[in-house]
Amino acid sequence: MAANTQGAPGYYVWEIPGKPVSIHIHLDVVDRILAEVMRGFGAVPKRGAEVGGVLLGAIEPGDPTIVRIEDFEPVECEYKRGPSYLFTHEDGAAFEDAVRRWQPEESRDSYAVGFYRSHTRDGLSLAPEDVELMDEYFPSPSHVALVVKPYGTKVSLGGFFVREDGAFPQTTPLEFPFRGRELSGEEAPPRRSMLERRPRERALRTLASPPAADAAEGEIEFAGSRQPEMAYATTLPSKSRLRSSIWIPLSFVFLLFGVALGFMIALARPPSGSSVGAADFSLGLSVAKEDDDLRVKWDPQSPAVRAAQRGSLEIQESGLSKVVDLDTANLQSGKITVQKQTDSVHFRLTVFPRAGLSITQTAEWHQ
């Protein structure tokens, strides 16, 4: 069944013919929940940490009953039982408090209508502990559960679960792409490769105007002993008939052009003994074994790392690749622990010190 947004602009309508409940979830809620899900998915290597919380909205009785989801409240889990979204008696009070805080009242338009969680286990289904949670906090036939299956290389999937004859089905009757753009039919923006160089060229408009050379926006890769490189691109004037009377000003123009180009090359390749060199682009990436895991480290004092607002760590193992997003706090921590599955793991750290520039360093670990 295709995504349905007809008759409810700004919402995705999850509706199964013959079922007593129709769910209308706001597309903004979809994208904000997805952001929480992917943050947990990238926080723990291998399978990612599950996240969850309370769905907020309203229930409109009818045939079918309409459940509107207008917002949500994340509820933290202490992960005392691993990366799954499972509560113990000690840390389950936070979820109970959230549900009680959002009980229906005449003074509020939104209240708790169900719960959601991400699902990094196999398949896309409710676990027995999910059913126990729903039976305890959301016993109404109109209460719903949302499960989101995150993926790193394709669009994540979502599925709602509602009771049928007092029991939840083992699988959702309808999976749907869990991203607002797919559900609204919005065209995806063009994608550009990280390695793609996008030079900005500026033509010389007149022979009397001094030409300029702009630095190409691109990626600097520093792996092992390779030195950083920076590319420059310029556009020269087209050939035309030049009279002998303009050769003198033309020579002056090319003299200025050479000075400008030489100045920028000097900036990109500082002379020996200069205070700016390869160390400014090195990330200090290293890998060491720690018990059964791998400790990946980089230098948080590196100029490139200190200037970066974000970064990513790509982990390649057994032909599979996973990317962990890194924010400023992650970058400044200077390390991350990775659970290895094989005797050979490849790491690729990329930071973005400014718009249009990325710096990458690679490292490998072998048993």
Protein backbone atom coordinates (compact mmCIF):
# COMPACT_ATOMS: atom_id res chain seq x y z
CA MET A 1 0.00 0.00 0.00
CA ALA A 2 1.46 3.36 -1.02
CA ALA A 3 1.99 6.22 1.39
CA ASN A 4 -1.26 8.10 1.88
CA THR A 5 -1.36 11.82 2.51
CA GLN A 6 -4.60 12.53 0.72
CA GLY A 7 -7.14 14.55 2.69
CA ALA A 8 -4.63 15.37 5.42
CA PRO A 9 -2.02 17.85 4.16
CA GLY A 10 1.14 17.70 6.22
CA TYR A 11 0.29 14.25 7.59
CA TYR A 12 0.92 10.66 6.65
CA VAL A 13 -2.26 8.58 6.98
CA TRP A 14 -1.65 4.97 8.01
CA GLU A 15 -4.91 3.19 7.28
CA ILE A 16 -5.76 -0.43 6.56
CA PRO A 17 -9.16 -1.25 4.97
CA GLY A 18 -11.40 -2.96 7.49
CA LYS A 19 -9.27 -2.01 10.51
CA PRO A 20 -10.93 0.02 13.29
CA VAL A 21 -8.08 2.54 13.72
CA SER A 22 -6.67 5.13 11.29
CA ILE A 23 -3.42 6.87 12.31
CA HIS A 24 -2.52 10.40 11.18
CA ILE A 25 1.09 11.30 12.00
CA HIS A 26 2.49 14.75 11.26
CA LEU A 27 5.40 14.69 8.81
CA ASP A 28 7.41 16.99 11.07
CA VAL A 29 7.06 14.42 13.85
CA VAL A 30 8.32 11.72 11.47
CA ASP A 31 11.49 13.64 10.69
CA ARG A 32 12.14 14.62 14.32
CA ILE A 33 11.69 11.05 15.55
CA LEU A 34 13.96 9.86 12.73
CA ALA A 35 16.67 12.28 13.90
CA GLU A 36 16.50 10.77 17.40
CA VAL A 37 16.54 7.24 15.97
CA MET A 38 19.61 7.87 13.79
CA ARG A 39 21.45 9.56 16.67
CA GLY A 40 21.07 6.36 18.69
CA PHE A 41 21.84 4.19 15.66
CA GLY A 42 25.21 5.89 15.20
CA ALA A 43 26.09 6.05 18.90
CA VAL A 44 27.06 2.38 19.28
CA PRO A 45 29.04 0.47 16.64
CA LYS A 46 27.80 -2.80 15.19
CA ARG A 47 24.00 -2.61 15.69
CA GLY A 48 23.37 0.82 17.25
CA ALA A 49 21.43 1.74 20.39
CA GLU A 50 17.64 1.74 20.37
CA VAL A 51 15.75 4.84 21.53
CA GLY A 52 12.11 5.41 22.40
CA GLY A 53 9.50 7.49 24.15
CA VAL A 54 5.86 8.53 24.33
CA LEU A 55 3.68 9.49 21.33
CA LEU A 56 1.52 12.58 21.95
CA GLY A 57 -1.69 13.56 20.19
CA ALA A 58 -5.41 12.93 20.37
CA ILE A 59 -7.94 10.16 19.77
CA GLU A 60 -11.14 10.91 17.86
CA PRO A 61 -13.74 8.11 18.25
CA GLY A 62 -15.54 7.12 15.08
CA ASP A 63 -15.62 4.52 12.34
CA PRO A 64 -12.72 4.24 12.07
CA THR A 65 -11.25 5.82 15.18
CA ILE A 66 -8.66 8.43 14.23
CA VAL A 67 -5.44 8.64 16.25
CA ARG A 68 -3.60 11.90 15.58
CA ILE A 69 0.10 12.07 16.47
CA GLU A 70 1.20 15.70 16.82
CA ASP A 71 4.35 15.39 18.95
CA PHE A 72 6.44 13.03 21.08
CA GLU A 73 8.57 13.00 24.20
CA PRO A 74 11.79 10.98 24.20
CA VAL A 75 12.39 8.92 27.34
CA GLU A 76 15.96 7.92 28.11
CA CYS A 77 17.01 4.36 28.84
CA GLU A 78 20.07 3.50 30.93
CA TYR A 79 20.83 0.43 28.75
CA LYS A 80 21.55 -1.84 31.69
CA ARG A 81 20.51 -4.76 29.50
CA GLY A 82 22.50 -3.87 26.40
CA PRO A 83 21.72 -1.56 23.44
CA SER A 84 18.04 -2.59 23.26
CA TYR A 85 15.34 -0.24 24.55
CA LEU A 86 14.58 -2.30 27.66
CA PHE A 87 13.80 -1.00 31.14
CA THR A 88 14.68 -2.49 34.49
CA HIS A 89 12.79 -1.84 37.72
CA GLU A 90 15.36 0.84 38.55
CA ASP A 91 15.23 2.90 35.35
CA GLY A 92 11.61 2.27 34.31
CA ALA A 93 10.33 5.10 36.50
CA ALA A 94 11.23 7.70 33.86
CA PHE A 95 8.84 6.16 31.34
CA GLU A 96 6.08 5.86 33.93
CA ASP A 97 6.52 9.52 34.89
CA ALA A 98 6.26 10.61 31.25
CA VAL A 99 3.04 8.66 30.73
CA ARG A 100 1.46 10.06 33.90
CA ARG A 101 2.51 13.58 32.98
CA TRP A 102 0.66 13.29 29.66
CA GLN A 103 -2.64 11.83 30.82
CA PRO A 104 -5.78 13.23 29.07
CA GLU A 105 -7.16 16.42 30.63
CA GLU A 106 -9.78 18.90 29.50
CA SER A 107 -7.22 21.70 29.57
CA ARG A 108 -4.87 20.11 27.01
CA ASP A 109 -5.20 19.24 23.35
CA SER A 110 -2.47 16.58 23.29
CA TYR A 111 -1.94 13.59 25.55
CA ALA A 112 -0.23 10.20 25.48
CA VAL A 113 -1.67 7.97 22.72
CA GLY A 114 1.03 5.29 22.59
CA PHE A 115 4.76 4.69 22.53
CA TYR A 116 7.53 4.42 19.95
CA ARG A 117 10.98 2.88 19.79
CA SER A 118 13.64 2.15 17.20
CA HIS A 119 14.35 -1.47 16.32
CA THR A 120 17.96 -2.52 15.61
CA ARG A 121 17.19 -6.20 16.09
CA ASP A 122 16.16 -8.56 13.28
CA GLY A 123 12.88 -7.96 11.52
CA LEU A 124 10.31 -5.30 12.35
CA SER A 125 8.06 -6.44 15.18
CA LEU A 126 7.01 -5.86 18.77
CA ALA A 127 9.00 -7.72 21.40
CA PRO A 128 7.24 -9.40 24.36
CA GLU A 129 8.46 -6.59 26.65
CA ASP A 130 6.85 -4.05 24.27
CA VAL A 131 3.51 -5.81 24.61
CA GLU A 132 3.89 -5.81 28.41
CA LEU A 133 4.62 -2.08 28.33
CA MET A 134 1.58 -1.39 26.15
CA ASP A 135 -0.68 -3.53 28.36
CA GLU A 136 0.48 -1.66 31.46
CA TYR A 137 0.48 1.95 30.23
CA PHE A 138 -1.65 1.94 27.04
CA PRO A 139 -4.45 -0.61 27.50
CA SER A 140 -7.05 1.07 25.25
CA PRO A 141 -7.83 -0.56 21.85
CA SER A 142 -7.12 2.87 20.32
CA HIS A 143 -3.60 3.14 21.72
CA VAL A 144 -0.84 2.55 19.18
CA ALA A 145 2.80 1.47 19.06
CA LEU A 146 5.31 2.68 16.47
CA VAL A 147 8.47 0.73 15.60
CA VAL A 148 11.18 2.27 13.39
CA LYS A 149 13.86 0.19 11.67
CA PRO A 150 16.93 2.41 10.95
CA TYR A 151 19.28 1.85 8.04
CA GLY A 152 22.59 3.52 7.28
CA THR A 153 22.51 3.13 3.49
CA LYS A 154 18.80 3.42 2.64
CA VAL A 155 15.59 4.95 3.92
CA SER A 156 14.49 3.70 7.34
CA LEU A 157 11.20 1.79 7.69
CA GLY A 158 8.32 2.34 10.09
CA GLY A 159 5.36 0.24 11.16
CA PHE A 160 2.39 0.85 13.44
CA PHE A 161 0.85 -1.83 15.66
CA VAL A 162 -2.75 -1.73 16.91
CA ARG A 163 -4.69 -4.37 18.79
CA GLU A 164 -6.84 -6.77 16.82
CA ASP A 165 -9.39 -8.64 18.95
CA GLY A 166 -7.48 -7.56 22.04
CA ALA A 167 -4.04 -8.74 20.85
CA PHE A 168 -1.20 -7.23 18.83
CA PRO A 169 -0.22 -8.91 15.54
CA GLN A 170 3.24 -10.45 15.27
CA THR A 171 4.11 -8.18 12.33
CA THR A 172 2.81 -4.81 11.21
CA PRO A 173 0.24 -5.04 8.40
CA LEU A 174 1.87 -2.09 6.62
CA GLU A 175 5.51 -0.95 6.54
CA PHE A 176 6.22 2.53 5.19
CA PRO A 177 9.31 4.64 4.43
CA PHE A 178 10.03 6.58 7.59
CA ARG A 179 11.07 9.97 6.22
CA GLY A 180 8.91 12.99 5.51
CA ARG A 181 10.29 13.52 2.01
CA GLU A 182 9.23 10.07 0.82
CA LEU A 183 5.82 10.30 2.48
CA SER A 184 5.03 13.73 0.99
CA GLY A 185 6.34 12.90 -2.48
CA GLU A 186 8.90 15.71 -2.28
CA GLU A 187 11.75 15.36 -4.75
CA ALA A 188 15.05 14.48 -3.14
CA PRO A 189 17.84 17.09 -3.42
CA PRO A 190 20.74 16.19 -5.74
CA ARG A 191 23.47 14.23 -4.00
CA ARG A 192 27.14 15.05 -4.39
CA SER A 193 30.06 12.79 -3.64
CA MET A 194 32.37 13.77 -0.78
CA LEU A 195 35.31 13.36 -3.17
CA GLU A 196 33.81 15.52 -5.86
CA ARG A 197 35.77 18.69 -6.46
CA ARG A 198 33.60 21.67 -7.27
CA PRO A 199 35.87 24.42 -8.58
CA ARG A 200 34.39 27.90 -8.76
CA GLU A 201 35.68 29.69 -11.83
CA ARG A 202 35.53 33.41 -12.40
CA ALA A 203 36.11 34.75 -15.94
CA LEU A 204 38.19 37.84 -16.66
CA ARG A 205 35.61 40.34 -17.84
CA THR A 206 37.95 42.89 -19.43
CA LEU A 207 41.61 43.02 -20.23
CA ALA A 208 41.91 46.06 -17.99
CA SER A 209 40.64 44.20 -14.89
CA PRO A 210 43.17 42.18 -12.87
CA PRO A 211 42.29 38.47 -12.98
CA ALA A 212 41.81 36.51 -9.76
CA ALA A 213 42.20 32.86 -8.91
CA ASP A 214 39.77 31.20 -6.55
CA ALA A 215 40.65 28.20 -4.44
CA ALA A 216 38.68 25.14 -5.46
CA GLU A 217 36.38 23.78 -2.84
CA GLY A 218 37.30 20.13 -2.30
CA GLU A 219 38.68 17.50 -0.01
CA ILE A 220 42.14 17.24 1.49
CA GLU A 221 43.13 13.68 2.30
CA PHE A 222 45.99 12.94 4.70
CA ALA A 223 46.79 9.25 5.08
CA GLY A 224 50.14 8.02 6.29
CA SER A 225 52.87 10.28 4.94
CA ARG A 226 50.87 11.86 2.12
CA GLN A 227 50.95 15.63 2.25
CA PRO A 228 47.79 17.74 1.93
CA GLU A 229 47.11 19.22 -1.45
CA MET A 230 44.90 22.08 -2.53
CA ALA A 231 43.71 22.72 -6.08
CA TYR A 232 43.22 26.05 -7.80
CA ALA A 233 41.28 26.84 -10.96
CA THR A 234 41.21 29.94 -13.09
CA THR A 235 39.64 30.88 -16.39
CA LEU A 236 41.75 32.71 -18.93
CA PRO A 237 40.26 35.13 -21.45
CA SER A 238 39.24 33.66 -24.78
CA LYS A 239 41.43 34.17 -27.80
CA SER A 240 40.71 37.28 -29.79
CA ARG A 241 42.42 39.54 -32.22
CA LEU A 242 44.79 41.73 -30.31
CA ARG A 243 46.28 44.73 -31.92
CA SER A 244 49.83 45.64 -31.25
CA SER A 245 48.67 48.71 -29.35
CA ILE A 246 47.31 46.61 -26.44
CA TRP A 247 50.28 44.30 -25.90
CA ILE A 248 51.71 46.52 -23.15
CA PRO A 249 48.53 46.58 -20.97
CA LEU A 250 48.02 42.86 -21.72
CA SER A 251 51.49 42.08 -20.40
CA PHE A 252 50.70 44.04 -17.27
CA VAL A 253 47.52 42.02 -16.77
CA PHE A 254 49.37 38.71 -17.02
CA LEU A 255 51.99 39.99 -14.61
CA LEU A 256 49.28 40.64 -12.03
CA PHE A 257 47.79 37.23 -12.75
CA GLY A 258 51.14 35.53 -12.08
CA VAL A 259 51.62 37.42 -8.83
CA ALA A 260 48.13 36.47 -7.59
CA LEU A 261 48.53 32.81 -8.54
CA GLY A 262 51.96 32.61 -6.94
CA PHE A 263 50.63 34.15 -3.74
CA MET A 264 47.85 31.54 -3.43
CA ILE A 265 50.23 28.67 -4.20
CA ALA A 266 52.46 29.97 -1.43
CA LEU A 267 49.50 29.85 0.95
CA ALA A 268 48.67 26.28 -0.05
CA ARG A 269 52.28 25.06 0.13
CA PRO A 270 54.08 26.90 2.91
CA PRO A 271 57.87 26.99 2.70
CA SER A 272 60.12 24.87 4.88
CA GLY A 273 60.31 26.21 8.43
CA SER A 274 56.90 27.87 8.22
CA SER A 275 54.60 27.55 11.25
CA VAL A 276 51.78 26.16 9.03
CA GLY A 277 52.40 22.72 7.62
CA ALA A 278 51.21 19.13 7.36
CA ALA A 279 50.59 18.97 11.10
CA ASP A 280 47.74 21.46 10.67
CA PHE A 281 45.94 18.92 8.50
CA SER A 282 46.84 15.77 10.41
CA LEU A 283 44.08 14.31 12.55
CA GLY A 284 46.38 12.02 14.56
CA LEU A 285 44.21 8.97 13.84
CA SER A 286 45.32 5.72 15.50
CA VAL A 287 43.83 2.34 16.44
CA ALA A 288 44.76 0.10 19.37
CA LYS A 289 43.32 -3.14 20.74
CA GLU A 290 41.67 -2.85 24.16
CA ASP A 291 40.48 -6.19 25.55
CA ASP A 292 38.16 -7.57 22.83
CA ASP A 293 37.39 -4.13 21.35
CA LEU A 294 39.27 -1.52 19.36
CA ARG A 295 39.96 1.96 20.70
CA VAL A 296 40.01 4.53 17.87
CA LYS A 297 41.74 7.79 18.81
CA TRP A 298 42.40 11.13 17.14
CA ASP A 299 44.01 14.39 18.28
CA PRO A 300 41.34 16.80 19.63
CA GLN A 301 43.99 19.55 19.68
CA SER A 302 44.58 19.25 15.94
CA PRO A 303 43.72 22.59 14.27
CA ALA A 304 41.43 20.78 11.84
CA VAL A 305 39.55 18.97 14.64
CA ARG A 306 39.28 22.09 16.81
CA ALA A 307 37.82 24.07 13.90
CA ALA A 308 35.36 21.34 12.85
CA GLN A 309 31.68 21.55 13.77
CA ARG A 310 30.99 18.00 12.66
CA GLY A 311 32.66 14.88 11.37
CA SER A 312 32.13 11.21 10.60
CA LEU A 313 33.91 7.90 11.19
CA GLU A 314 33.44 5.26 8.51
CA ILE A 315 34.05 1.69 9.66
CA GLN A 316 34.66 -0.97 6.98
CA GLU A 317 34.71 -4.61 7.97
CA SER A 318 34.05 -7.81 5.99
CA GLY A 319 32.91 -5.79 2.99
CA LEU A 320 30.34 -3.87 5.03
CA SER A 321 30.49 -0.17 5.82
CA LYS A 322 28.93 1.82 8.65
CA VAL A 323 29.19 5.58 9.23
CA VAL A 324 29.08 7.09 12.73
CA ASP A 325 28.23 10.80 12.80
CA LEU A 326 30.35 12.90 15.17
CA ASP A 327 29.27 16.23 16.65
CA THR A 328 31.53 18.79 18.34
CA ALA A 329 31.43 16.99 21.70
CA ASN A 330 32.31 13.64 20.08
CA LEU A 331 35.21 15.20 18.19
CA GLN A 332 36.59 16.85 21.32
CA SER A 333 36.46 13.55 23.23
CA GLY A 334 39.14 12.29 20.85
CA LYS A 335 38.17 8.62 20.98
CA ILE A 336 35.51 5.99 20.35
CA THR A 337 35.31 2.28 21.18
CA VAL A 338 34.44 -0.13 18.37
CA GLN A 339 33.41 -3.75 18.74
CA LYS A 340 35.38 -5.72 16.12
CA GLN A 341 33.94 -8.78 14.40
CA THR A 342 36.91 -9.80 12.25
CA ASP A 343 40.71 -9.58 12.31
CA SER A 344 40.84 -6.70 9.81
CA VAL A 345 39.05 -3.35 10.20
CA HIS A 346 39.50 -0.16 8.14
CA PHE A 347 38.71 3.29 9.57
CA ARG A 348 38.21 6.59 7.75
CA LEU A 349 37.87 9.78 9.83
CA THR A 350 36.55 12.91 8.10
CA VAL A 351 36.16 16.36 9.64
CA PHE A 352 34.73 19.55 8.14
CA PRO A 353 36.67 22.62 9.37
CA ARG A 354 34.68 24.97 7.16
CA ALA A 355 32.11 24.97 4.38
CA GLY A 356 33.36 23.25 1.26
CA LEU A 357 36.43 21.70 2.91
CA SER A 358 36.82 18.23 4.39
CA ILE A 359 39.96 16.61 5.80
CA THR A 360 40.26 12.84 5.92
CA GLN A 361 42.70 10.41 7.49
CA THR A 362 42.60 6.62 7.32
CA ALA A 363 43.90 3.87 9.57
CA GLU A 364 43.73 0.08 9.59
CA TRP A 365 43.91 -2.60 12.24
CA HIS A 366 44.99 -6.18 11.57
CA GLN A 367 45.30 -9.08 13.96
